[in-house]
Amino acid sequence: MARLDYPDLDTLDEQTTRRLNALGRPLNIFRMLAWSPGLLAGFQDMGAVVLGGLELDATLREIAILRVARVAGAGYEWAQHVPMGMACGVTQAQVDALEQGEADSDAFSELERDVIAAADELLADARLGDATLEKLRAALGDRQVVELLVAVGFYTMVSRFLESTGVELEAGGVPGPDEQRRVMDRVGEA
């Protein structure tokens, strides 16, 4: 059960209602964010960029997001991103390793282990260590390092929001990857 009530959709302003309706079936995270129309809009815009407007490889992005979700204990985020990650190339062996906390698993390449290390360092200290930063710069370049840092930071914030408000999984289960892609495409248009 959510720790905060979801707002009554009939009482929302026209722009917020339009944003939620543009999604088809609004995800509960967006319903909770509807308490603050400005935050909902900014969150959706930022999420659309993180999920669909980066040069950073989608598999690396999803491995980082799943690591954040697992370390933070954010069940909603984990449930939403496992199918998204698998649609982007994350393997079942990698999902299993992340779920078991096995960051050094052979299921991951060296670069993927560096991405996991980066997420861990940011979660623990809010600062990427020098050695990890240099490895990532050599493998990805500065632009993709920035994108990774923002993705980890954004989903750290998401996990804290989800866990603090108790956002629940949607009735009927997690939308499949195709529906999630359609939702994120519509978020970018809303």
Protein backbone atom coordinates (compact mmCIF):
# COMPACT_ATOMS: atom_id res chain seq x y z
CA MET A 1 0.00 0.00 0.00
CA ALA A 2 1.28 3.43 -0.90
CA ARG A 3 2.45 5.57 2.02
CA LEU A 4 0.84 8.64 0.43
CA ASP A 5 -2.49 8.71 -1.32
CA TYR A 6 -2.49 9.11 -5.07
CA PRO A 7 -4.18 12.38 -6.06
CA ASP A 8 -7.77 12.24 -7.25
CA LEU A 9 -7.39 12.37 -11.02
CA ASP A 10 -10.67 14.30 -11.32
CA THR A 11 -9.18 17.23 -9.37
CA LEU A 12 -6.04 17.71 -11.44
CA ASP A 13 -5.51 20.74 -13.64
CA GLU A 14 -6.01 20.40 -17.38
CA GLN A 15 -2.32 20.29 -18.32
CA THR A 16 -1.55 17.55 -15.77
CA THR A 17 -4.56 15.53 -16.89
CA ARG A 18 -3.42 15.89 -20.50
CA ARG A 19 0.09 14.70 -19.57
CA LEU A 20 -1.24 11.65 -17.75
CA ASN A 21 -3.79 10.80 -20.45
CA ALA A 22 -1.12 11.06 -23.16
CA LEU A 23 0.51 8.04 -21.55
CA GLY A 24 -2.48 5.79 -22.09
CA ARG A 25 -2.26 3.82 -18.85
CA PRO A 26 -0.36 6.15 -16.52
CA LEU A 27 2.25 4.41 -14.41
CA ASN A 28 1.79 4.76 -10.65
CA ILE A 29 5.01 6.72 -10.35
CA PHE A 30 3.51 9.39 -12.63
CA ARG A 31 0.22 9.29 -10.75
CA MET A 32 2.08 10.01 -7.48
CA LEU A 33 4.11 12.78 -9.11
CA ALA A 34 0.84 14.37 -10.28
CA TRP A 35 0.61 15.98 -6.82
CA SER A 36 3.12 18.47 -8.24
CA PRO A 37 2.42 19.26 -11.92
CA GLY A 38 5.76 21.00 -12.42
CA LEU A 39 7.71 18.08 -10.99
CA LEU A 40 5.69 15.63 -13.08
CA ALA A 41 6.51 17.54 -16.26
CA GLY A 42 10.21 17.90 -15.43
CA PHE A 43 10.49 14.30 -14.29
CA GLN A 44 8.89 12.97 -17.46
CA ASP A 45 11.06 15.17 -19.66
CA MET A 46 14.25 14.13 -17.86
CA GLY A 47 13.21 10.46 -17.83
CA ALA A 48 12.52 10.56 -21.56
CA VAL A 49 16.03 11.87 -22.22
CA VAL A 50 17.71 9.39 -19.87
CA LEU A 51 15.81 6.47 -21.38
CA GLY A 52 15.87 7.48 -25.02
CA GLY A 53 18.11 10.42 -25.76
CA LEU A 54 21.58 9.40 -24.68
CA GLU A 55 24.62 8.26 -26.61
CA LEU A 56 25.38 5.89 -23.71
CA ASP A 57 24.70 2.27 -24.66
CA ALA A 58 21.25 1.23 -23.43
CA THR A 59 22.56 -2.03 -21.97
CA LEU A 60 25.11 -0.14 -19.86
CA ARG A 61 22.42 2.33 -18.78
CA GLU A 62 20.07 -0.45 -17.71
CA ILE A 63 22.79 -2.35 -15.85
CA ALA A 64 23.50 0.84 -13.90
CA ILE A 65 19.78 1.44 -13.22
CA LEU A 66 19.26 -2.15 -12.08
CA ARG A 67 22.28 -1.89 -9.77
CA VAL A 68 20.86 1.29 -8.23
CA ALA A 69 17.44 -0.34 -7.82
CA ARG A 70 18.90 -3.42 -6.16
CA VAL A 71 21.26 -1.59 -3.80
CA ALA A 72 18.50 0.88 -2.86
CA GLY A 73 15.96 -1.90 -2.36
CA ALA A 74 13.59 -0.17 -4.79
CA GLY A 75 11.28 -3.02 -5.80
CA TYR A 76 9.14 -0.91 -8.14
CA GLU A 77 12.19 0.37 -10.01
CA TRP A 78 13.63 -3.16 -10.21
CA ALA A 79 10.34 -4.63 -11.49
CA GLN A 80 9.97 -1.92 -14.14
CA HIS A 81 13.56 -2.09 -15.35
CA VAL A 82 14.17 -5.84 -15.54
CA PRO A 83 11.99 -6.16 -18.67
CA MET A 84 13.31 -2.86 -20.04
CA GLY A 85 16.87 -4.00 -19.47
CA MET A 86 16.28 -7.35 -21.12
CA ALA A 87 14.71 -5.58 -24.10
CA CYS A 88 17.93 -3.52 -24.34
CA GLY A 89 20.27 -6.49 -24.22
CA VAL A 90 20.75 -7.25 -20.51
CA THR A 91 20.85 -11.04 -20.20
CA GLN A 92 19.03 -13.22 -17.70
CA ALA A 93 22.42 -14.23 -16.26
CA GLN A 94 23.21 -10.54 -15.68
CA VAL A 95 19.82 -9.92 -14.05
CA ASP A 96 20.39 -12.92 -11.80
CA ALA A 97 23.90 -11.72 -10.88
CA LEU A 98 22.63 -8.23 -10.09
CA GLU A 99 19.80 -9.66 -8.02
CA GLN A 100 22.30 -11.77 -6.05
CA GLY A 101 24.70 -8.83 -5.62
CA GLU A 102 27.39 -10.54 -7.69
CA ALA A 103 28.97 -7.53 -9.35
CA ASP A 104 32.11 -9.49 -10.22
CA SER A 105 30.18 -12.21 -12.08
CA ASP A 106 31.56 -13.56 -15.34
CA ALA A 107 28.20 -12.55 -16.82
CA PHE A 108 29.61 -9.00 -17.09
CA SER A 109 32.31 -7.61 -19.32
CA GLU A 110 35.08 -5.51 -17.79
CA LEU A 111 33.29 -2.34 -18.90
CA GLU A 112 30.00 -3.53 -17.41
CA ARG A 113 31.78 -4.26 -14.11
CA ASP A 114 33.22 -0.73 -14.22
CA VAL A 115 29.70 0.66 -14.71
CA ILE A 116 28.51 -1.33 -11.69
CA ALA A 117 31.50 -0.06 -9.69
CA ALA A 118 30.59 3.49 -10.69
CA ALA A 119 27.01 3.03 -9.47
CA ASP A 120 28.29 1.56 -6.20
CA GLU A 121 30.75 4.40 -5.65
CA LEU A 122 28.13 7.05 -6.36
CA LEU A 123 25.63 5.39 -4.05
CA ALA A 124 28.20 5.08 -1.25
CA ASP A 125 30.06 8.39 -1.52
CA ALA A 126 28.22 10.58 -4.05
CA ARG A 127 31.57 10.85 -5.87
CA LEU A 128 33.12 8.67 -8.50
CA GLY A 129 36.60 7.45 -7.55
CA ASP A 130 39.55 8.57 -9.65
CA ALA A 131 40.45 5.06 -10.88
CA THR A 132 36.87 4.28 -11.96
CA LEU A 133 36.52 7.68 -13.61
CA GLU A 134 39.69 7.16 -15.64
CA LYS A 135 38.65 3.65 -16.73
CA LEU A 136 35.25 4.93 -17.84
CA ARG A 137 36.74 7.95 -19.64
CA ALA A 138 39.09 5.66 -21.56
CA ALA A 139 36.27 3.30 -22.54
CA LEU A 140 33.39 5.70 -23.07
CA GLY A 141 34.66 9.24 -23.46
CA ASP A 142 33.58 12.24 -21.43
CA ARG A 143 30.11 12.62 -22.93
CA GLN A 144 29.02 9.09 -22.05
CA VAL A 145 30.60 9.36 -18.59
CA VAL A 146 28.45 12.44 -17.97
CA GLU A 147 25.40 10.57 -19.23
CA LEU A 148 26.14 7.61 -16.96
CA LEU A 149 26.60 9.88 -13.95
CA VAL A 150 23.27 11.60 -14.64
CA ALA A 151 21.47 8.28 -15.22
CA VAL A 152 22.74 6.90 -11.90
CA GLY A 153 21.90 10.15 -10.12
CA PHE A 154 18.43 10.34 -11.63
CA TYR A 155 17.56 6.76 -10.75
CA THR A 156 19.00 7.20 -7.25
CA MET A 157 16.51 10.03 -6.81
CA VAL A 158 13.76 7.89 -8.36
CA SER A 159 14.45 5.02 -5.96
CA ARG A 160 14.30 7.32 -2.95
CA PHE A 161 11.04 8.86 -4.15
CA LEU A 162 9.50 5.44 -4.82
CA GLU A 163 10.53 3.97 -1.49
CA SER A 164 9.54 7.06 0.52
CA THR A 165 6.08 7.32 -1.03
CA GLY A 166 5.51 3.57 -1.33
CA VAL A 167 4.51 3.67 -4.99
CA GLU A 168 3.01 0.30 -5.81
CA LEU A 169 3.30 -1.82 -8.92
CA GLU A 170 0.44 -1.24 -11.31
CA ALA A 171 -2.64 -3.45 -11.05
CA GLY A 172 -2.28 -6.07 -13.74
CA GLY A 173 1.50 -6.18 -13.37
CA VAL A 174 4.42 -4.48 -14.98
CA PRO A 175 3.89 -3.25 -18.51
CA GLY A 176 5.89 -5.24 -21.03
CA PRO A 177 8.87 -3.70 -22.83
CA ASP A 178 6.80 -2.70 -25.87
CA GLU A 179 4.24 -0.87 -23.74
CA GLN A 180 7.02 0.74 -21.71
CA ARG A 181 8.70 1.99 -24.90
CA ARG A 182 5.38 3.45 -26.07
CA VAL A 183 4.91 5.16 -22.69
CA MET A 184 8.39 6.68 -22.82
CA ASP A 185 7.86 7.82 -26.42
CA ARG A 186 4.65 9.54 -25.32
CA VAL A 187 6.40 11.07 -22.30
CA GLY A 188 8.82 12.78 -24.65
CA GLU A 189 5.88 14.17 -26.63
CA ALA A 190 3.74 15.26 -23.65
